[in-house]
Amino acid sequence: KENKDKAMIRVIHAADAAALDDKVEKGDSAPVFGNVEKGKTTEYKAVDAGEYKFVLTAAGDTAEVVKFESVKLEAGNLYTVVARGTLES
């Protein structure tokens, strides 16, 4: 469901890795999406528009495996974070 006042984001876990957490800024942050299983796509979640730097960790871990470049999420738009390849540091 689209929300004109928020940016909508989801995660696709297409990596060759176990479950992962998608967080903002650093590995010990609270997950935006937690325990995303391999091969799964989350539902969209409404977040405030703004600048984000997404980080992937193994589910329940704080060690950063992937840190994406900063992105600007705009209200009313849909975004997808895709984990692919392998999640090795």
PDB file of N, CA and C in Angstrom:
ATOM      1  N   LYS A   1       0.849  -1.186   0.000  1.00  0.00           N
ATOM      2  CA  LYS A   1       0.000   0.000   0.000  1.00  0.00           C
ATOM      3  C   LYS A   1       0.886   1.238   0.000  1.00  0.00           C
ATOM      4  N   GLU A   2       0.665   2.114  -0.948  1.00  0.00           N
ATOM      5  CA  GLU A   2       1.475   3.322  -1.087  1.00  0.00           C
ATOM      6  C   GLU A   2       1.075   4.362  -0.049  1.00  0.00           C
ATOM      7  N   ASN A   3       2.054   5.088   0.460  1.00  0.00           N
ATOM      8  CA  ASN A   3       1.849   6.133   1.453  1.00  0.00           C
ATOM      9  C   ASN A   3       2.530   7.394   0.932  1.00  0.00           C
ATOM     10  N   LYS A   4       1.776   8.427   0.588  1.00  0.00           N
ATOM     11  CA  LYS A   4       2.313   9.632  -0.044  1.00  0.00           C
ATOM     12  C   LYS A   4       3.212  10.456   0.882  1.00  0.00           C
ATOM     13  N   ASP A   5       3.088  10.292   2.208  1.00  0.00           N
ATOM     14  CA  ASP A   5       3.885  11.069   3.159  1.00  0.00           C
ATOM     15  C   ASP A   5       5.176  10.370   3.551  1.00  0.00           C
ATOM     16  N   LYS A   6       5.360   9.127   3.150  1.00  0.00           N
ATOM     17  CA  LYS A   6       6.527   8.320   3.535  1.00  0.00           C
ATOM     18  C   LYS A   6       7.164   7.713   2.295  1.00  0.00           C
ATOM     19  N   ALA A   7       8.408   7.298   2.433  1.00  0.00           N
ATOM     20  CA  ALA A   7       9.059   6.469   1.424  1.00  0.00           C
ATOM     21  C   ALA A   7       8.734   5.021   1.802  1.00  0.00           C
ATOM     22  N   MET A   8       8.559   4.185   0.807  1.00  0.00           N
ATOM     23  CA  MET A   8       8.239   2.770   1.051  1.00  0.00           C
ATOM     24  C   MET A   8       9.449   1.937   0.627  1.00  0.00           C
ATOM     25  N   ILE A   9       9.881   1.024   1.513  1.00  0.00           N
ATOM     26  CA  ILE A   9      11.077   0.234   1.237  1.00  0.00           C
ATOM     27  C   ILE A   9      10.832  -1.230   1.561  1.00  0.00           C
ATOM     28  N   ARG A  10      11.513  -2.095   0.795  1.00  0.00           N
ATOM     29  CA  ARG A  10      11.455  -3.532   1.055  1.00  0.00           C
ATOM     30  C   ARG A  10      12.843  -4.112   0.807  1.00  0.00           C
ATOM     31  N   VAL A  11      13.033  -5.385   1.180  1.00  0.00           N
ATOM     32  CA  VAL A  11      14.303  -6.079   0.986  1.00  0.00           C
ATOM     33  C   VAL A  11      14.045  -7.367   0.216  1.00  0.00           C
ATOM     34  N   ILE A  12      14.902  -7.632  -0.771  1.00  0.00           N
ATOM     35  CA  ILE A  12      14.914  -8.918  -1.465  1.00  0.00           C
ATOM     36  C   ILE A  12      16.222  -9.607  -1.085  1.00  0.00           C
ATOM     37  N   HIS A  13      16.119 -10.794  -0.498  1.00  0.00           N
ATOM     38  CA  HIS A  13      17.310 -11.554  -0.098  1.00  0.00           C
ATOM     39  C   HIS A  13      17.602 -12.588  -1.178  1.00  0.00           C
ATOM     40  N   ALA A  14      18.477 -12.213  -2.114  1.00  0.00           N
ATOM     41  CA  ALA A  14      18.861 -13.100  -3.212  1.00  0.00           C
ATOM     42  C   ALA A  14      20.316 -13.524  -3.088  1.00  0.00           C
ATOM     43  N   ALA A  15      20.909 -13.333  -1.910  1.00  0.00           N
ATOM     44  CA  ALA A  15      22.316 -13.681  -1.689  1.00  0.00           C
ATOM     45  C   ALA A  15      22.453 -15.152  -1.316  1.00  0.00           C
ATOM     46  N   ASP A  16      23.646 -15.659  -1.518  1.00  0.00           N
ATOM     47  CA  ASP A  16      23.966 -17.024  -1.103  1.00  0.00           C
ATOM     48  C   ASP A  16      24.422 -16.957   0.351  1.00  0.00           C
ATOM     49  N   ALA A  17      23.473 -16.775   1.249  1.00  0.00           N
ATOM     50  CA  ALA A  17      23.777 -16.599   2.667  1.00  0.00           C
ATOM     51  C   ALA A  17      22.541 -16.930   3.498  1.00  0.00           C
ATOM     52  N   ALA A  18      22.787 -17.170   4.773  1.00  0.00           N
ATOM     53  CA  ALA A  18      21.681 -17.425   5.704  1.00  0.00           C
ATOM     54  C   ALA A  18      20.878 -16.141   5.907  1.00  0.00           C
ATOM     55  N   ALA A  19      19.937 -16.170   6.830  1.00  0.00           N
ATOM     56  CA  ALA A  19      19.073 -15.020   7.109  1.00  0.00           C
ATOM     57  C   ALA A  19      19.900 -13.785   7.452  1.00  0.00           C
ATOM     58  N   LEU A  20      19.352 -12.614   7.124  1.00  0.00           N
ATOM     59  CA  LEU A  20      20.065 -11.369   7.384  1.00  0.00           C
ATOM     60  C   LEU A  20      19.157 -10.328   7.996  1.00  0.00           C
ATOM     61  N   ASP A  21      19.798  -9.298   8.559  1.00  0.00           N
ATOM     62  CA  ASP A  21      19.104  -8.120   9.086  1.00  0.00           C
ATOM     63  C   ASP A  21      19.505  -6.927   8.225  1.00  0.00           C
ATOM     64  N   ASP A  22      18.553  -6.059   7.938  1.00  0.00           N
ATOM     65  CA  ASP A  22      18.810  -4.812   7.218  1.00  0.00           C
ATOM     66  C   ASP A  22      18.679  -3.688   8.226  1.00  0.00           C
ATOM     67  N   LYS A  23      19.774  -2.919   8.392  1.00  0.00           N
ATOM     68  CA  LYS A  23      19.825  -1.863   9.398  1.00  0.00           C
ATOM     69  C   LYS A  23      20.229  -0.544   8.750  1.00  0.00           C
ATOM     70  N   VAL A  24      20.181   0.529   9.515  1.00  0.00           N
ATOM     71  CA  VAL A  24      20.586   1.841   9.026  1.00  0.00           C
ATOM     72  C   VAL A  24      21.815   2.299   9.804  1.00  0.00           C
ATOM     73  N   GLU A  25      22.821   2.764   9.087  1.00  0.00           N
ATOM     74  CA  GLU A  25      24.048   3.383   9.593  1.00  0.00           C
ATOM     75  C   GLU A  25      25.105   2.416  10.123  1.00  0.00           C
ATOM     76  N   LYS A  26      24.763   1.522  11.074  1.00  0.00           N
ATOM     77  CA  LYS A  26      25.797   0.662  11.642  1.00  0.00           C
ATOM     78  C   LYS A  26      25.217  -0.675  12.093  1.00  0.00           C
ATOM     79  N   GLY A  27      26.110  -1.646  12.255  1.00  0.00           N
ATOM     80  CA  GLY A  27      25.703  -3.012  12.557  1.00  0.00           C
ATOM     81  C   GLY A  27      24.964  -3.213  13.850  1.00  0.00           C
ATOM     82  N   ASP A  28      25.174  -2.317  14.835  1.00  0.00           N
ATOM     83  CA  ASP A  28      24.477  -2.501  16.108  1.00  0.00           C
ATOM     84  C   ASP A  28      23.186  -1.691  16.203  1.00  0.00           C
ATOM     85  N   SER A  29      22.743  -1.126  15.083  1.00  0.00           N
ATOM     86  CA  SER A  29      21.449  -0.433  15.038  1.00  0.00           C
ATOM     87  C   SER A  29      20.311  -1.448  15.076  1.00  0.00           C
ATOM     88  N   ALA A  30      19.136  -0.995  15.446  1.00  0.00           N
ATOM     89  CA  ALA A  30      17.957  -1.865  15.404  1.00  0.00           C
ATOM     90  C   ALA A  30      17.622  -2.154  13.935  1.00  0.00           C
ATOM     91  N   PRO A  31      17.248  -3.381  13.628  1.00  0.00           N
ATOM     92  CA  PRO A  31      16.924  -3.713  12.230  1.00  0.00           C
ATOM     93  C   PRO A  31      15.684  -2.993  11.720  1.00  0.00           C
ATOM     94  N   VAL A  32      15.752  -2.530  10.474  1.00  0.00           N
ATOM     95  CA  VAL A  32      14.564  -2.049   9.776  1.00  0.00           C
ATOM     96  C   VAL A  32      13.765  -3.285   9.370  1.00  0.00           C
ATOM     97  N   PHE A  33      14.486  -4.296   8.884  1.00  0.00           N
ATOM     98  CA  PHE A  33      13.932  -5.613   8.582  1.00  0.00           C
ATOM     99  C   PHE A  33      14.830  -6.630   9.257  1.00  0.00           C
ATOM    100  N   GLY A  34      14.265  -7.484  10.078  1.00  0.00           N
ATOM    101  CA  GLY A  34      15.060  -8.475  10.793  1.00  0.00           C
ATOM    102  C   GLY A  34      14.780  -9.892  10.320  1.00  0.00           C
ATOM    103  N   ASN A  35      15.821 -10.715  10.331  1.00  0.00           N
ATOM    104  CA  ASN A  35      15.718 -12.137  10.042  1.00  0.00           C
ATOM    105  C   ASN A  35      15.055 -12.424   8.690  1.00  0.00           C
ATOM    106  N   VAL A  36      15.537 -11.749   7.646  1.00  0.00           N
ATOM    107  CA  VAL A  36      15.009 -11.965   6.299  1.00  0.00           C
ATOM    108  C   VAL A  36      15.644 -13.247   5.762  1.00  0.00           C
ATOM    109  N   GLU A  37      14.824 -14.235   5.507  1.00  0.00           N
ATOM    110  CA  GLU A  37      15.302 -15.548   5.063  1.00  0.00           C
ATOM    111  C   GLU A  37      15.751 -15.518   3.609  1.00  0.00           C
ATOM    112  N   LYS A  38      16.730 -16.353   3.298  1.00  0.00           N
ATOM    113  CA  LYS A  38      17.241 -16.498   1.936  1.00  0.00           C
ATOM    114  C   LYS A  38      16.093 -16.804   0.979  1.00  0.00           C
ATOM    115  N   GLY A  39      16.060 -16.086  -0.147  1.00  0.00           N
ATOM    116  CA  GLY A  39      15.033 -16.297  -1.162  1.00  0.00           C
ATOM    117  C   GLY A  39      13.727 -15.567  -0.911  1.00  0.00           C
ATOM    118  N   LYS A  40      13.664 -14.793   0.155  1.00  0.00           N
ATOM    119  CA  LYS A  40      12.418 -14.090   0.512  1.00  0.00           C
ATOM    120  C   LYS A  40      12.461 -12.614   0.130  1.00  0.00           C
ATOM    121  N   THR A  41      11.272 -12.059  -0.066  1.00  0.00           N
ATOM    122  CA  THR A  41      11.082 -10.632  -0.285  1.00  0.00           C
ATOM    123  C   THR A  41      10.154 -10.129   0.809  1.00  0.00           C
ATOM    124  N   THR A  42      10.556  -9.060   1.484  1.00  0.00           N
ATOM    125  CA  THR A  42       9.715  -8.517   2.555  1.00  0.00           C
ATOM    126  C   THR A  42       8.561  -7.714   1.964  1.00  0.00           C
ATOM    127  N   GLU A  43       7.598  -7.422   2.783  1.00  0.00           N
ATOM    128  CA  GLU A  43       6.548  -6.472   2.429  1.00  0.00           C
ATOM    129  C   GLU A  43       7.176  -5.078   2.477  1.00  0.00           C
ATOM    130  N   TYR A  44       6.552  -4.113   1.821  1.00  0.00           N
ATOM    131  CA  TYR A  44       7.029  -2.731   1.915  1.00  0.00           C
ATOM    132  C   TYR A  44       6.764  -2.202   3.318  1.00  0.00           C
ATOM    133  N   LYS A  45       7.682  -1.362   3.790  1.00  0.00           N
ATOM    134  CA  LYS A  45       7.542  -0.708   5.087  1.00  0.00           C
ATOM    135  C   LYS A  45       7.682   0.797   4.870  1.00  0.00           C
ATOM    136  N   ALA A  46       6.826   1.577   5.524  1.00  0.00           N
ATOM    137  CA  ALA A  46       6.881   3.035   5.419  1.00  0.00           C
ATOM    138  C   ALA A  46       7.980   3.569   6.333  1.00  0.00           C
ATOM    139  N   VAL A  47       8.843   4.421   5.756  1.00  0.00           N
ATOM    140  CA  VAL A  47       9.889   5.086   6.531  1.00  0.00           C
ATOM    141  C   VAL A  47       9.853   6.574   6.196  1.00  0.00           C
ATOM    142  N   ASP A  48      10.392   7.382   7.096  1.00  0.00           N
ATOM    143  CA  ASP A  48      10.474   8.816   6.826  1.00  0.00           C
ATOM    144  C   ASP A  48      11.379   9.057   5.622  1.00  0.00           C
ATOM    145  N   ALA A  49      11.017  10.032   4.811  1.00  0.00           N
ATOM    146  CA  ALA A  49      11.883  10.430   3.707  1.00  0.00           C
ATOM    147  C   ALA A  49      13.180  10.971   4.296  1.00  0.00           C
ATOM    148  N   GLY A  50      14.279  10.811   3.578  1.00  0.00           N
ATOM    149  CA  GLY A  50      15.562  11.322   4.059  1.00  0.00           C
ATOM    150  C   GLY A  50      16.724  10.536   3.515  1.00  0.00           C
ATOM    151  N   GLU A  51      17.893  10.817   4.041  1.00  0.00           N
ATOM    152  CA  GLU A  51      19.145  10.191   3.625  1.00  0.00           C
ATOM    153  C   GLU A  51      19.392   8.964   4.504  1.00  0.00           C
ATOM    154  N   TYR A  52      19.662   7.824   3.885  1.00  0.00           N
ATOM    155  CA  TYR A  52      19.892   6.580   4.612  1.00  0.00           C
ATOM    156  C   TYR A  52      21.149   5.890   4.097  1.00  0.00           C
ATOM    157  N   LYS A  53      21.844   5.206   4.993  1.00  0.00           N
ATOM    158  CA  LYS A  53      22.955   4.340   4.631  1.00  0.00           C
ATOM    159  C   LYS A  53      22.627   2.962   5.209  1.00  0.00           C
ATOM    160  N   PHE A  54      22.214   2.039   4.331  1.00  0.00           N
ATOM    161  CA  PHE A  54      21.791   0.723   4.785  1.00  0.00           C
ATOM    162  C   PHE A  54      22.983  -0.204   4.989  1.00  0.00           C
ATOM    163  N   VAL A  55      22.853  -1.069   5.985  1.00  0.00           N
ATOM    164  CA  VAL A  55      23.886  -2.016   6.373  1.00  0.00           C
ATOM    165  C   VAL A  55      23.234  -3.387   6.492  1.00  0.00           C
ATOM    166  N   LEU A  56      23.915  -4.428   5.994  1.00  0.00           N
ATOM    167  CA  LEU A  56      23.431  -5.797   6.157  1.00  0.00           C
ATOM    168  C   LEU A  56      24.340  -6.532   7.133  1.00  0.00           C
ATOM    169  N   THR A  57      23.705  -7.305   8.023  1.00  0.00           N
ATOM    170  CA  THR A  57      24.422  -8.177   8.944  1.00  0.00           C
ATOM    171  C   THR A  57      23.756  -9.550   8.890  1.00  0.00           C
ATOM    172  N   ALA A  58      24.472 -10.571   9.342  1.00  0.00           N
ATOM    173  CA  ALA A  58      23.820 -11.862   9.538  1.00  0.00           C
ATOM    174  C   ALA A  58      22.737 -11.636  10.589  1.00  0.00           C
ATOM    175  N   ALA A  59      21.634 -12.358  10.491  1.00  0.00           N
ATOM    176  CA  ALA A  59      20.521 -12.175  11.434  1.00  0.00           C
ATOM    177  C   ALA A  59      21.009 -12.313  12.867  1.00  0.00           C
ATOM    178  N   GLY A  60      20.672 -11.327  13.691  1.00  0.00           N
ATOM    179  CA  GLY A  60      21.026 -11.351  15.103  1.00  0.00           C
ATOM    180  C   GLY A  60      22.458 -10.952  15.405  1.00  0.00           C
ATOM    181  N   ASP A  61      23.250 -10.604  14.395  1.00  0.00           N
ATOM    182  CA  ASP A  61      24.657 -10.245  14.580  1.00  0.00           C
ATOM    183  C   ASP A  61      24.841  -8.737  14.409  1.00  0.00           C
ATOM    184  N   THR A  62      25.980  -8.210  14.853  1.00  0.00           N
ATOM    185  CA  THR A  62      26.266  -6.788  14.683  1.00  0.00           C
ATOM    186  C   THR A  62      27.409  -6.536  13.697  1.00  0.00           C
ATOM    187  N   ALA A  63      28.088  -7.593  13.262  1.00  0.00           N
ATOM    188  CA  ALA A  63      29.198  -7.427  12.314  1.00  0.00           C
ATOM    189  C   ALA A  63      28.647  -7.039  10.943  1.00  0.00           C
ATOM    190  N   GLU A  64      29.085  -5.895  10.434  1.00  0.00           N
ATOM    191  CA  GLU A  64      28.623  -5.401   9.140  1.00  0.00           C
ATOM    192  C   GLU A  64      29.232  -6.240   8.021  1.00  0.00           C
ATOM    193  N   VAL A  65      28.382  -6.842   7.200  1.00  0.00           N
ATOM    194  CA  VAL A  65      28.845  -7.654   6.082  1.00  0.00           C
ATOM    195  C   VAL A  65      28.829  -6.823   4.805  1.00  0.00           C
ATOM    196  N   VAL A  66      27.802  -6.005   4.633  1.00  0.00           N
ATOM    197  CA  VAL A  66      27.693  -5.107   3.485  1.00  0.00           C
ATOM    198  C   VAL A  66      27.234  -3.751   3.994  1.00  0.00           C
ATOM    199  N   LYS A  67      27.878  -2.685   3.492  1.00  0.00           N
ATOM    200  CA  LYS A  67      27.461  -1.321   3.826  1.00  0.00           C
ATOM    201  C   LYS A  67      27.255  -0.597   2.503  1.00  0.00           C
ATOM    202  N   PHE A  68      26.018  -0.213   2.231  1.00  0.00           N
ATOM    203  CA  PHE A  68      25.674   0.458   0.984  1.00  0.00           C
ATOM    204  C   PHE A  68      26.031   1.938   1.041  1.00  0.00           C
ATOM    205  N   GLU A  69      26.204   2.536  -0.126  1.00  0.00           N
ATOM    206  CA  GLU A  69      26.387   3.982  -0.227  1.00  0.00           C
ATOM    207  C   GLU A  69      25.116   4.667   0.268  1.00  0.00           C
ATOM    208  N   SER A  70      25.254   5.885   0.709  1.00  0.00           N
ATOM    209  CA  SER A  70      24.122   6.667   1.178  1.00  0.00           C
ATOM    210  C   SER A  70      23.135   6.914   0.034  1.00  0.00           C
ATOM    211  N   VAL A  71      21.845   6.790   0.337  1.00  0.00           N
ATOM    212  CA  VAL A  71      20.798   7.027  -0.663  1.00  0.00           C
ATOM    213  C   VAL A  71      19.747   7.968  -0.076  1.00  0.00           C
ATOM    214  N   LYS A  72      19.129   8.741  -0.961  1.00  0.00           N
ATOM    215  CA  LYS A  72      18.063   9.646  -0.540  1.00  0.00           C
ATOM    216  C   LYS A  72      16.730   9.000  -0.892  1.00  0.00           C
ATOM    217  N   LEU A  73      15.901   8.787   0.123  1.00  0.00           N
ATOM    218  CA  LEU A  73      14.568   8.234  -0.086  1.00  0.00           C
ATOM    219  C   LEU A  73      13.565   9.374  -0.048  1.00  0.00           C
ATOM    220  N   GLU A  74      12.743   9.457  -1.091  1.00  0.00           N
ATOM    221  CA  GLU A  74      11.775  10.543  -1.200  1.00  0.00           C
ATOM    222  C   GLU A  74      10.363  10.043  -0.911  1.00  0.00           C
ATOM    223  N   ALA A  75       9.583  10.865  -0.247  1.00  0.00           N
ATOM    224  CA  ALA A  75       8.201  10.518   0.092  1.00  0.00           C
ATOM    225  C   ALA A  75       7.421  10.182  -1.170  1.00  0.00           C
ATOM    226  N   GLY A  76       6.577   9.161  -1.071  1.00  0.00           N
ATOM    227  CA  GLY A  76       5.729   8.758  -2.188  1.00  0.00           C
ATOM    228  C   GLY A  76       6.382   7.795  -3.153  1.00  0.00           C
ATOM    229  N   ASN A  77       7.679   7.476  -2.963  1.00  0.00           N
ATOM    230  CA  ASN A  77       8.375   6.558  -3.860  1.00  0.00           C
ATOM    231  C   ASN A  77       8.579   5.188  -3.217  1.00  0.00           C
ATOM    232  N   LEU A  78       8.732   4.183  -4.065  1.00  0.00           N
ATOM    233  CA  LEU A  78       9.001   2.814  -3.628  1.00  0.00           C
ATOM    234  C   LEU A  78      10.465   2.490  -3.874  1.00  0.00           C
ATOM    235  N   TYR A  79      11.114   1.800  -2.906  1.00  0.00           N
ATOM    236  CA  TYR A  79      12.527   1.439  -3.003  1.00  0.00           C
ATOM    237  C   TYR A  79      12.711  -0.017  -2.610  1.00  0.00           C
ATOM    238  N   THR A  80      13.753  -0.636  -3.192  1.00  0.00           N
ATOM    239  CA  THR A  80      14.072  -2.025  -2.888  1.00  0.00           C
ATOM    240  C   THR A  80      15.565  -2.158  -2.620  1.00  0.00           C
ATOM    241  N   VAL A  81      15.925  -2.769  -1.488  1.00  0.00           N
ATOM    242  CA  VAL A  81      17.308  -3.129  -1.183  1.00  0.00           C
ATOM    243  C   VAL A  81      17.453  -4.587  -1.589  1.00  0.00           C
ATOM    244  N   VAL A  82      18.448  -4.885  -2.453  1.00  0.00           N
ATOM    245  CA  VAL A  82      18.652  -6.250  -2.928  1.00  0.00           C
ATOM    246  C   VAL A  82      19.988  -6.759  -2.408  1.00  0.00           C
ATOM    247  N   ALA A  83      19.948  -7.869  -1.682  1.00  0.00           N
ATOM    248  CA  ALA A  83      21.173  -8.565  -1.251  1.00  0.00           C
ATOM    249  C   ALA A  83      21.405  -9.674  -2.275  1.00  0.00           C
ATOM    250  N   ARG A  84      22.587  -9.656  -2.933  1.00  0.00           N
ATOM    251  CA  ARG A  84      22.891 -10.690  -3.913  1.00  0.00           C
ATOM    252  C   ARG A  84      24.354 -11.058  -3.800  1.00  0.00           C
ATOM    253  N   GLY A  85      24.747 -12.118  -4.459  1.00  0.00           N
ATOM    254  CA  GLY A  85      26.114 -12.590  -4.364  1.00  0.00           C
ATOM    255  C   GLY A  85      26.315 -13.362  -3.072  1.00  0.00           C
ATOM    256  N   THR A  86      27.476 -13.185  -2.449  1.00  0.00           N
ATOM    257  CA  THR A  86      27.725 -13.809  -1.153  1.00  0.00           C
ATOM    258  C   THR A  86      27.939 -12.707  -0.124  1.00  0.00           C
ATOM    259  N   LEU A  87      27.616 -13.002   1.103  1.00  0.00           N
ATOM    260  CA  LEU A  87      27.764 -12.000   2.161  1.00  0.00           C
ATOM    261  C   LEU A  87      29.017 -12.310   2.981  1.00  0.00           C
ATOM    262  N   GLU A  88      30.151 -12.233   2.333  1.00  0.00           N
ATOM    263  CA  GLU A  88      31.413 -12.430   3.028  1.00  0.00           C
ATOM    264  C   GLU A  88      32.125 -11.111   3.125  1.00  0.00           C
ATOM    265  N   SER A  89      32.723 -10.834   4.312  1.00  0.00           N
ATOM    266  CA  SER A  89      33.422  -9.562   4.483  1.00  0.00           C
ATOM    267  C   SER A  89      34.746  -9.577   3.758  1.00  0.00           C
TER     268      SER A  89
END
